[in-house]
């Protein structure tokens, strides 16, 4: 809007100058001075409008950048808090007797009981977690809330390799996982 206004002002100023030059012979000194004054004022207004538009654009860009930076910090903090809460939650869940028995190959808990436990744990996540699973030390999926994954070899998956190598809870871009020490 400001750029268009400045262009209009400059064009009007140039037109007035052209008209003033062509008919200057017919005007008195007062008319010539008035035309010169209007030319100076119009060109000054045009320049000021261009400068104001540029300064306003820079100011708005800085303001938008600061707002986005602030918002990204807030969301980064929220994400860090989410990961911290869920990490401690998964650490606590991994020490539940049914899960410890499944990893230790203790058959006292049936597959159905372990699966129901995992489904209960998954349900409290409000659909944030699509699948809870128990993998044995070889990476074989022994219990999963998604029945299609049971028996699947996941030993080559990065989340499993990292968890086994670190022997502790690891955070992977898509997975939270813990390895039980025997």
Protein backbone atom coordinates (compact mmCIF):
# COMPACT_ATOMS: atom_id res chain seq x y z
CA UNK A 1 0.00 0.00 0.00
CA UNK A 2 2.76 2.44 0.93
CA UNK A 3 4.83 1.54 -2.11
CA UNK A 4 1.87 2.15 -4.41
CA UNK A 5 1.21 5.49 -2.73
CA UNK A 6 4.82 6.57 -3.18
CA UNK A 7 4.75 5.57 -6.85
CA UNK A 8 1.55 7.60 -7.37
CA UNK A 9 3.08 10.62 -5.63
CA UNK A 10 6.24 10.48 -7.72
CA UNK A 11 4.25 10.11 -10.96
CA UNK A 12 2.02 13.06 -10.00
CA UNK A 13 5.13 15.12 -9.15
CA UNK A 14 6.77 14.32 -12.49
CA UNK A 15 3.56 15.19 -14.35
CA UNK A 16 3.30 18.49 -12.49
CA UNK A 17 6.91 19.27 -13.36
CA UNK A 18 6.28 18.52 -17.02
CA UNK A 19 3.15 20.66 -17.07
CA UNK A 20 5.00 23.45 -15.27
CA UNK A 21 7.85 23.40 -17.78
CA UNK A 22 5.55 23.47 -20.81
CA UNK A 23 3.36 26.30 -19.64
CA UNK A 24 5.88 28.17 -17.51
CA UNK A 25 6.10 30.98 -20.03
CA UNK A 26 2.47 31.88 -19.42
CA UNK A 27 2.60 31.90 -15.60
CA UNK A 28 3.70 34.63 -13.28
CA UNK A 29 6.58 34.29 -10.88
CA UNK A 30 4.11 33.34 -8.12
CA UNK A 31 2.76 30.40 -10.20
CA UNK A 32 6.28 29.25 -11.04
CA UNK A 33 7.34 29.31 -7.37
CA UNK A 34 4.18 27.45 -6.35
CA UNK A 35 4.86 24.76 -8.98
CA UNK A 36 8.47 24.40 -7.82
CA UNK A 37 7.33 24.17 -4.19
CA UNK A 38 4.78 21.47 -5.05
CA UNK A 39 7.44 19.51 -6.95
CA UNK A 40 9.80 19.58 -3.97
CA UNK A 41 7.04 18.58 -1.54
CA UNK A 42 5.72 15.77 -3.76
CA UNK A 43 9.16 14.28 -4.40
CA UNK A 44 9.99 14.54 -0.67
CA UNK A 45 6.75 12.77 0.23
CA UNK A 46 7.49 10.06 -2.32
CA UNK A 47 10.97 9.47 -0.92
CA UNK A 48 9.67 9.47 2.66
CA UNK A 49 6.95 6.99 1.75
CA UNK A 50 9.50 4.64 0.15
CA UNK A 51 11.77 4.87 3.19
CA UNK A 52 8.86 4.39 5.58
CA UNK A 53 7.71 1.30 3.67
CA UNK A 54 11.18 -0.19 3.78
CA UNK A 55 11.63 0.53 7.49
CA UNK A 56 8.18 -0.85 8.27
CA UNK A 57 8.90 -4.03 6.31
CA UNK A 58 12.17 -4.57 8.20
CA UNK A 59 10.47 -3.92 11.54
CA UNK A 60 7.62 -6.31 10.78
CA UNK A 61 10.08 -8.98 9.61
CA UNK A 62 12.09 -8.66 12.84
CA UNK A 63 8.92 -8.80 14.91
CA UNK A 64 7.69 -11.89 13.07
CA UNK A 65 11.07 -13.56 13.48
CA UNK A 66 11.09 -12.83 17.22
CA UNK A 67 7.55 -14.20 17.56
CA UNK A 68 8.44 -17.37 15.70
CA UNK A 69 11.62 -17.81 17.74
CA UNK A 70 9.66 -17.38 20.96
CA UNK A 71 6.96 -19.81 19.83
CA UNK A 72 9.57 -22.37 18.79
CA UNK A 73 11.23 -22.13 22.21
CA UNK A 74 7.88 -22.69 23.91
CA UNK A 75 7.15 -25.74 21.77
CA UNK A 76 10.68 -27.06 22.24
CA UNK A 77 10.23 -26.79 26.01
CA UNK A 78 6.85 -28.53 25.77
CA UNK A 79 8.38 -31.31 23.68
CA UNK A 80 11.26 -31.69 26.16
CA UNK A 81 8.74 -31.92 29.02
CA UNK A 82 6.68 -34.47 27.06
CA UNK A 83 9.77 -36.62 26.47
CA UNK A 84 10.87 -36.30 30.11
CA UNK A 85 7.44 -37.30 31.46
CA UNK A 86 7.03 -40.20 29.05
CA UNK A 87 10.59 -41.39 29.58
CA UNK A 88 10.05 -41.67 33.32
CA UNK A 89 6.66 -43.28 32.71
CA UNK A 90 8.11 -45.92 30.39
CA UNK A 91 10.99 -46.52 32.79
CA UNK A 92 8.45 -47.20 35.57
CA UNK A 93 6.26 -49.34 33.30
CA UNK A 94 9.23 -51.45 32.24
CA UNK A 95 9.70 -52.58 35.84
CA UNK A 96 6.16 -53.97 36.17
CA UNK A 97 6.29 -57.67 37.19
CA UNK A 98 4.40 -58.87 34.14
CA UNK A 99 6.87 -57.17 31.82
CA UNK A 100 9.90 -58.30 33.82
CA UNK A 101 8.60 -61.90 33.74
CA UNK A 102 8.04 -61.72 29.98
CA UNK A 103 11.59 -60.52 29.37
CA UNK A 104 13.02 -63.11 31.79
CA UNK A 105 11.07 -65.80 29.86
CA UNK A 106 9.03 -66.63 32.92
CA UNK A 107 5.86 -68.19 31.58
CA UNK A 108 3.81 -67.47 34.72
CA UNK A 109 2.00 -64.68 32.88
CA UNK A 110 0.03 -65.69 29.84
CA UNK A 111 0.38 -63.91 26.52
CA UNK A 112 -3.17 -62.62 26.94
CA UNK A 113 -2.38 -61.10 30.38
CA UNK A 114 0.74 -59.35 29.06
CA UNK A 115 -1.16 -58.09 26.04
CA UNK A 116 -3.96 -56.73 28.23
CA UNK A 117 -1.38 -54.99 30.41
CA UNK A 118 0.24 -53.39 27.35
CA UNK A 119 -3.16 -52.32 26.04
CA UNK A 120 -3.93 -50.71 29.40
CA UNK A 121 -0.61 -48.87 29.32
CA UNK A 122 -1.25 -47.80 25.74
CA UNK A 123 -4.77 -46.55 26.50
CA UNK A 124 -3.48 -44.00 29.01
CA UNK A 125 -1.37 -42.40 26.27
CA UNK A 126 -4.40 -40.87 24.49
CA UNK A 127 -3.48 -42.31 21.08
CA UNK A 128 0.02 -40.79 21.23
CA UNK A 129 1.53 -44.27 21.22
CA UNK A 130 0.38 -46.51 18.40
CA UNK A 131 1.91 -49.72 19.72
CA UNK A 132 3.38 -51.09 22.95
CA UNK A 133 5.61 -54.14 22.59
CA UNK A 134 7.92 -56.39 24.55
CA UNK A 135 10.97 -57.60 22.63
CA UNK A 136 13.21 -60.33 23.93
CA UNK A 137 17.00 -59.92 24.06
CA UNK A 138 17.24 -61.27 20.50
CA UNK A 139 14.88 -58.60 19.18
CA UNK A 140 11.91 -60.90 18.64
CA UNK A 141 8.57 -59.28 19.40
CA UNK A 142 7.03 -61.52 22.09
CA UNK A 143 4.02 -59.36 23.01
CA UNK A 144 2.51 -56.41 21.18
CA UNK A 145 -0.70 -54.43 21.30
CA UNK A 146 -0.69 -54.77 17.52
CA UNK A 147 -1.11 -58.53 17.11
CA UNK A 148 0.38 -58.52 13.60
CA UNK A 149 3.81 -57.66 15.03
CA UNK A 150 4.06 -60.63 17.43
CA UNK A 151 6.89 -62.95 16.41
CA UNK A 152 8.47 -60.35 14.12
CA UNK A 153 12.26 -59.98 14.24
CA UNK A 154 13.07 -56.36 15.08
CA UNK A 155 16.73 -56.92 15.98
CA UNK A 156 17.97 -54.85 13.01
CA UNK A 157 15.81 -51.84 13.85
CA UNK A 158 17.77 -48.79 15.04
CA UNK A 159 15.65 -48.41 18.18
CA UNK A 160 16.48 -51.98 19.26
CA UNK A 161 20.21 -51.83 18.39
CA UNK A 162 20.64 -48.54 20.25
CA UNK A 163 18.75 -49.77 23.32
CA UNK A 164 20.79 -53.00 23.48
CA UNK A 165 24.10 -51.18 23.01
CA UNK A 166 23.35 -48.58 25.70
CA UNK A 167 21.57 -51.06 27.99
CA UNK A 168 19.21 -48.35 29.10
CA UNK A 169 16.19 -46.34 28.03
CA UNK A 170 16.83 -44.75 24.66
CA UNK A 171 14.89 -42.18 22.74
CA UNK A 172 14.65 -42.71 19.03
CA UNK A 173 12.89 -40.27 16.68
CA UNK A 174 9.81 -42.50 16.56
CA UNK A 175 10.30 -44.91 19.43
CA UNK A 176 10.85 -44.95 23.19
CA UNK A 177 12.35 -48.19 24.35
CA UNK A 178 14.02 -49.73 27.38
CA UNK A 179 16.22 -52.79 27.84
CA UNK A 180 15.87 -54.83 31.02
CA UNK A 181 19.07 -55.98 32.71
CA UNK A 182 18.91 -59.59 33.79
